[in-house]
């Protein structure tokens, strides 16, 4: 992956110079290279965090009628799958 990023950083291959999208991709990969290469070194991803965040954003959109903060917190825990950790009886 580092080789691909460096190749795009040095310039586009012949015949692809006119593709601005590919040039933009090269610039973005160069700016985010530490994050991208860290995934290949460590194997960590923020995918699970983004999945929970997406669920909570969806809940925020449908929970406009909840007036009780405790109910909102409980509903958030149900949506994110974290309810069993909060209840000692389970």
Protein backbone atom coordinates (compact mmCIF):
# COMPACT_ATOMS: atom_id res chain seq x y z
CA UNK A 1 0.00 0.00 0.00
CA UNK A 2 2.87 2.35 0.75
CA UNK A 3 4.20 1.71 -2.76
CA UNK A 4 0.81 2.61 -4.29
CA UNK A 5 0.62 5.80 -2.26
CA UNK A 6 4.17 6.79 -3.20
CA UNK A 7 3.53 6.03 -6.88
CA UNK A 8 0.45 8.22 -6.93
CA UNK A 9 2.34 10.93 -5.04
CA UNK A 10 5.14 11.05 -7.63
CA UNK A 11 2.71 11.36 -10.52
CA UNK A 12 0.05 9.48 -12.38
CA UNK A 13 1.01 6.68 -14.78
CA UNK A 14 1.17 7.51 -18.49
CA UNK A 15 -2.22 7.81 -20.09
CA UNK A 16 -3.96 8.64 -16.80
CA UNK A 17 -2.72 12.21 -16.34
CA UNK A 18 -6.07 13.68 -17.39
CA UNK A 19 -8.08 11.89 -14.68
CA UNK A 20 -8.50 14.46 -11.93
CA UNK A 21 -10.34 11.95 -9.72
CA UNK A 22 -7.29 9.72 -9.60
CA UNK A 23 -5.07 12.69 -8.79
CA UNK A 24 -7.46 13.68 -5.99
CA UNK A 25 -7.34 10.12 -4.66
CA UNK A 26 -3.55 10.28 -4.64
CA UNK A 27 -3.59 13.54 -2.67
CA UNK A 28 -6.08 12.15 -0.17
CA UNK A 29 -4.10 8.95 0.30
CA UNK A 30 -0.93 10.97 0.85
CA UNK A 31 -2.60 13.15 3.51
CA UNK A 32 -4.07 10.12 5.32
CA UNK A 33 -1.13 7.75 4.75
CA UNK A 34 -0.32 7.31 8.45
CA UNK A 35 -3.88 6.21 9.21
CA UNK A 36 -4.07 3.95 6.17
CA UNK A 37 -0.71 2.30 6.76
CA UNK A 38 -1.48 1.88 10.48
CA UNK A 39 -4.38 -0.36 9.51
CA UNK A 40 -2.03 -2.67 7.63
CA UNK A 41 0.52 -2.66 10.48
CA UNK A 42 -1.90 -3.19 13.37
CA UNK A 43 -5.07 -4.47 11.73
CA UNK A 44 -7.24 -2.10 13.75
CA UNK A 45 -10.28 -0.48 12.24
CA UNK A 46 -12.76 2.09 13.48
CA UNK A 47 -15.57 0.21 11.72
CA UNK A 48 -17.25 -1.05 14.91
CA UNK A 49 -17.20 2.43 16.42
CA UNK A 50 -18.70 3.88 13.25
CA UNK A 51 -21.42 1.20 13.28
CA UNK A 52 -22.47 2.10 16.83
CA UNK A 53 -22.33 5.79 15.96
CA UNK A 54 -24.61 5.18 12.98
CA UNK A 55 -27.13 3.39 15.16
CA UNK A 56 -27.10 6.21 17.70
CA UNK A 57 -27.50 8.84 14.99
CA UNK A 58 -30.51 6.92 13.70
CA UNK A 59 -31.91 6.78 17.23
CA UNK A 60 -31.42 10.51 17.66
CA UNK A 61 -33.49 11.06 14.54
CA UNK A 62 -36.39 8.90 15.71
CA UNK A 63 -36.25 9.81 19.41
CA UNK A 64 -37.44 13.38 19.10
CA UNK A 65 -40.50 12.57 21.21
CA UNK A 66 -38.56 11.21 24.20
CA UNK A 67 -38.68 13.80 26.96
CA UNK A 68 -37.12 11.73 29.71
CA UNK A 69 -33.30 11.59 29.62
CA UNK A 70 -33.24 8.19 31.36
CA UNK A 71 -35.50 6.73 28.69
CA UNK A 72 -33.23 8.18 25.99
CA UNK A 73 -30.14 6.64 27.64
CA UNK A 74 -31.90 3.28 27.98
CA UNK A 75 -33.00 3.39 24.36
CA UNK A 76 -29.44 4.29 23.31
CA UNK A 77 -28.08 1.28 25.17
CA UNK A 78 -30.65 -0.99 23.54
CA UNK A 79 -29.78 0.35 20.08
CA UNK A 80 -26.02 0.01 20.55
CA UNK A 81 -26.22 -3.49 22.02
CA UNK A 82 -24.62 -2.41 25.30
CA UNK A 83 -27.63 -3.02 27.53
CA UNK A 84 -26.44 -6.28 29.12
CA UNK A 85 -23.30 -4.59 30.45
CA UNK A 86 -25.42 -2.01 32.29
CA UNK A 87 -27.81 -4.47 33.92
CA UNK A 88 -26.24 -6.67 36.59
CA UNK A 89 -29.10 -9.18 36.64
CA UNK A 90 -28.49 -10.40 33.09
